Amino acid sequence: MTDPTEDEDEALFQAAMTAARDAPPVVPAALMARVLGDAAAQQPRRWRLSALIGGWQGLGGLVAATCAGLWIGWSAPEGLPDPVVLMGGDAMAGSVAAFSSFGWDMEEG
């Protein structure tokens, strides 16, 4: 069984909580401005993509590497193996060979 004093304590607690919800404390505007200013100072700054990769120098290197990769991938030197043959075998190489010779765009009517 519950003790009658515990019921009284619970009733007093609930009354205090109800009174606190009905009349919340007022925070001065100057204090709220300082708190919000401190919170804004602690937020992480947004970075631009170019700043994340090292500025214009890093962006220039990324563009150069991308262009070199496209150039090497599109017109591979004779010494490199054909990636189509490596991935799909000789059966797939015959069907793709027509597209790799740039003749497909000239065949249209």
C-alpha atoms as a PDB file:
ATOM      1  CA  MET A   1       0.000   0.000   0.000  1.00  0.00           C
ATOM      2  CA  THR A   2       1.095   3.535  -0.569  1.00  0.00           C
ATOM      3  CA  ASP A   3       1.953   5.882   2.202  1.00  0.00           C
ATOM      4  CA  PRO A   4      -0.471   8.855   2.541  1.00  0.00           C
ATOM      5  CA  THR A   5       2.466  11.255   2.719  1.00  0.00           C
ATOM      6  CA  GLU A   6       3.655  10.048  -0.696  1.00  0.00           C
ATOM      7  CA  ASP A   7       0.246  10.892  -2.170  1.00  0.00           C
ATOM      8  CA  GLU A   8       0.432  14.370  -0.613  1.00  0.00           C
ATOM      9  CA  ASP A   9       3.962  14.853  -1.956  1.00  0.00           C
ATOM     10  CA  GLU A  10       2.834  13.791  -5.417  1.00  0.00           C
ATOM     11  CA  ALA A  11      -0.106  16.201  -5.302  1.00  0.00           C
ATOM     12  CA  LEU A  12       2.175  19.063  -4.195  1.00  0.00           C
ATOM     13  CA  PHE A  13       4.646  18.187  -6.958  1.00  0.00           C
ATOM     14  CA  GLN A  14       1.924  18.134  -9.627  1.00  0.00           C
ATOM     15  CA  ALA A  15       0.567  21.483  -8.366  1.00  0.00           C
ATOM     16  CA  ALA A  16       4.030  23.038  -8.566  1.00  0.00           C
ATOM     17  CA  MET A  17       4.545  21.711 -12.088  1.00  0.00           C
ATOM     18  CA  THR A  18       1.151  23.039 -13.206  1.00  0.00           C
ATOM     19  CA  ALA A  19       1.944  26.467 -11.765  1.00  0.00           C
ATOM     20  CA  ALA A  20       5.333  26.476 -13.516  1.00  0.00           C
ATOM     21  CA  ARG A  21       3.730  25.586 -16.859  1.00  0.00           C
ATOM     22  CA  ASP A  22       1.073  28.280 -16.480  1.00  0.00           C
ATOM     23  CA  ALA A  23       3.577  31.090 -15.744  1.00  0.00           C
ATOM     24  CA  PRO A  24       6.916  30.440 -17.498  1.00  0.00           C
ATOM     25  CA  PRO A  25       9.822  32.660 -16.432  1.00  0.00           C
ATOM     26  CA  VAL A  26      10.583  35.699 -18.580  1.00  0.00           C
ATOM     27  CA  VAL A  27      14.092  35.826 -20.045  1.00  0.00           C
ATOM     28  CA  PRO A  28      15.525  39.326 -20.553  1.00  0.00           C
ATOM     29  CA  ALA A  29      16.054  40.241 -24.220  1.00  0.00           C
ATOM     30  CA  ALA A  30      19.727  41.144 -23.684  1.00  0.00           C
ATOM     31  CA  LEU A  31      20.463  37.723 -22.147  1.00  0.00           C
ATOM     32  CA  MET A  32      18.659  35.941 -24.993  1.00  0.00           C
ATOM     33  CA  ALA A  33      20.643  37.962 -27.569  1.00  0.00           C
ATOM     34  CA  ARG A  34      23.954  37.017 -25.910  1.00  0.00           C
ATOM     35  CA  VAL A  35      22.980  33.335 -25.708  1.00  0.00           C
ATOM     36  CA  LEU A  36      21.917  33.241 -29.361  1.00  0.00           C
ATOM     37  CA  GLY A  37      25.107  35.089 -30.372  1.00  0.00           C
ATOM     38  CA  ASP A  38      27.253  32.527 -28.555  1.00  0.00           C
ATOM     39  CA  ALA A  39      25.299  29.687 -30.139  1.00  0.00           C
ATOM     40  CA  ALA A  40      25.765  31.153 -33.630  1.00  0.00           C
ATOM     41  CA  ALA A  41      29.515  31.462 -33.014  1.00  0.00           C
ATOM     42  CA  GLN A  42      29.703  27.759 -32.148  1.00  0.00           C
ATOM     43  CA  GLN A  43      27.920  26.582 -35.309  1.00  0.00           C
ATOM     44  CA  PRO A  44      30.150  25.030 -37.987  1.00  0.00           C
ATOM     45  CA  ARG A  45      30.803  27.285 -40.936  1.00  0.00           C
ATOM     46  CA  ARG A  46      29.621  26.307 -44.381  1.00  0.00           C
ATOM     47  CA  TRP A  47      32.426  25.588 -46.760  1.00  0.00           C
ATOM     48  CA  ARG A  48      32.421  26.014 -50.486  1.00  0.00           C
ATOM     49  CA  LEU A  49      33.478  22.997 -52.513  1.00  0.00           C
ATOM     50  CA  SER A  50      36.547  24.770 -53.876  1.00  0.00           C
ATOM     51  CA  ALA A  51      37.695  25.592 -50.340  1.00  0.00           C
ATOM     52  CA  LEU A  52      37.329  21.931 -49.311  1.00  0.00           C
ATOM     53  CA  ILE A  53      39.633  20.689 -52.082  1.00  0.00           C
ATOM     54  CA  GLY A  54      42.325  23.334 -51.631  1.00  0.00           C
ATOM     55  CA  GLY A  55      41.079  26.465 -53.350  1.00  0.00           C
ATOM     56  CA  TRP A  56      41.642  27.238 -56.998  1.00  0.00           C
ATOM     57  CA  GLN A  57      44.914  25.245 -57.031  1.00  0.00           C
ATOM     58  CA  GLY A  58      43.151  22.067 -55.940  1.00  0.00           C
ATOM     59  CA  LEU A  59      40.283  22.725 -58.317  1.00  0.00           C
ATOM     60  CA  GLY A  60      42.739  23.206 -61.197  1.00  0.00           C
ATOM     61  CA  GLY A  61      44.472  19.928 -60.371  1.00  0.00           C
ATOM     62  CA  LEU A  62      41.143  18.125 -60.216  1.00  0.00           C
ATOM     63  CA  VAL A  63      40.125  19.494 -63.622  1.00  0.00           C
ATOM     64  CA  ALA A  64      43.497  18.527 -65.131  1.00  0.00           C
ATOM     65  CA  ALA A  65      43.281  14.992 -63.732  1.00  0.00           C
ATOM     66  CA  THR A  66      39.710  14.632 -64.993  1.00  0.00           C
ATOM     67  CA  CYS A  67      40.670  15.780 -68.502  1.00  0.00           C
ATOM     68  CA  ALA A  68      43.684  13.463 -68.569  1.00  0.00           C
ATOM     69  CA  GLY A  69      41.571  10.533 -67.416  1.00  0.00           C
ATOM     70  CA  LEU A  70      38.951  11.170 -70.071  1.00  0.00           C
ATOM     71  CA  TRP A  71      41.606  11.543 -72.759  1.00  0.00           C
ATOM     72  CA  ILE A  72      43.422   8.353 -71.781  1.00  0.00           C
ATOM     73  CA  GLY A  73      40.142   6.467 -71.413  1.00  0.00           C
ATOM     74  CA  TRP A  74      38.720   7.639 -74.726  1.00  0.00           C
ATOM     75  CA  SER A  75      41.799   7.165 -76.883  1.00  0.00           C
ATOM     76  CA  ALA A  76      43.881   4.587 -75.061  1.00  0.00           C
ATOM     77  CA  PRO A  77      47.478   4.139 -76.251  1.00  0.00           C
ATOM     78  CA  GLU A  78      48.447   0.938 -78.064  1.00  0.00           C
ATOM     79  CA  GLY A  79      50.308  -0.411 -75.035  1.00  0.00           C
ATOM     80  CA  LEU A  80      47.243  -0.467 -72.769  1.00  0.00           C
ATOM     81  CA  PRO A  81      44.805  -3.389 -72.934  1.00  0.00           C
ATOM     82  CA  ASP A  82      41.297  -2.795 -74.211  1.00  0.00           C
ATOM     83  CA  PRO A  83      38.969  -2.463 -71.186  1.00  0.00           C
ATOM     84  CA  VAL A  84      36.061  -3.965 -73.164  1.00  0.00           C
ATOM     85  CA  VAL A  85      38.017  -7.155 -73.763  1.00  0.00           C
ATOM     86  CA  LEU A  86      39.123  -7.265 -70.118  1.00  0.00           C
ATOM     87  CA  MET A  87      35.574  -6.919 -68.754  1.00  0.00           C
ATOM     88  CA  GLY A  88      33.400  -8.811 -71.201  1.00  0.00           C
ATOM     89  CA  GLY A  89      35.660 -10.940 -73.312  1.00  0.00           C
ATOM     90  CA  ASP A  90      35.971 -11.089 -77.102  1.00  0.00           C
ATOM     91  CA  ALA A  91      32.256 -11.645 -77.711  1.00  0.00           C
ATOM     92  CA  MET A  92      31.407  -8.240 -76.328  1.00  0.00           C
ATOM     93  CA  ALA A  93      34.299  -6.511 -78.083  1.00  0.00           C
ATOM     94  CA  GLY A  94      32.813  -7.177 -81.540  1.00  0.00           C
ATOM     95  CA  SER A  95      29.532  -5.439 -80.765  1.00  0.00           C
ATOM     96  CA  VAL A  96      31.211  -2.406 -79.235  1.00  0.00           C
ATOM     97  CA  ALA A  97      33.935  -2.051 -81.875  1.00  0.00           C
ATOM     98  CA  ALA A  98      31.600  -0.251 -84.280  1.00  0.00           C
ATOM     99  CA  PHE A  99      30.986   2.489 -81.733  1.00  0.00           C
ATOM    100  CA  SER A 100      34.636   2.995 -80.881  1.00  0.00           C
ATOM    101  CA  SER A 101      35.678   3.863 -84.440  1.00  0.00           C
ATOM    102  CA  PHE A 102      33.504   7.004 -84.687  1.00  0.00           C
ATOM    103  CA  GLY A 103      31.889   5.656 -87.856  1.00  0.00           C
ATOM    104  CA  TRP A 104      28.444   5.359 -86.305  1.00  0.00           C
ATOM    105  CA  ASP A 105      27.708   9.068 -86.490  1.00  0.00           C
ATOM    106  CA  MET A 106      28.541   9.267 -90.214  1.00  0.00           C
ATOM    107  CA  GLU A 107      26.235   6.367 -91.153  1.00  0.00           C
ATOM    108  CA  GLU A 108      23.015   8.243 -90.442  1.00  0.00           C
ATOM    109  CA  GLY A 109      20.959   9.136 -93.515  1.00  0.00           C
END
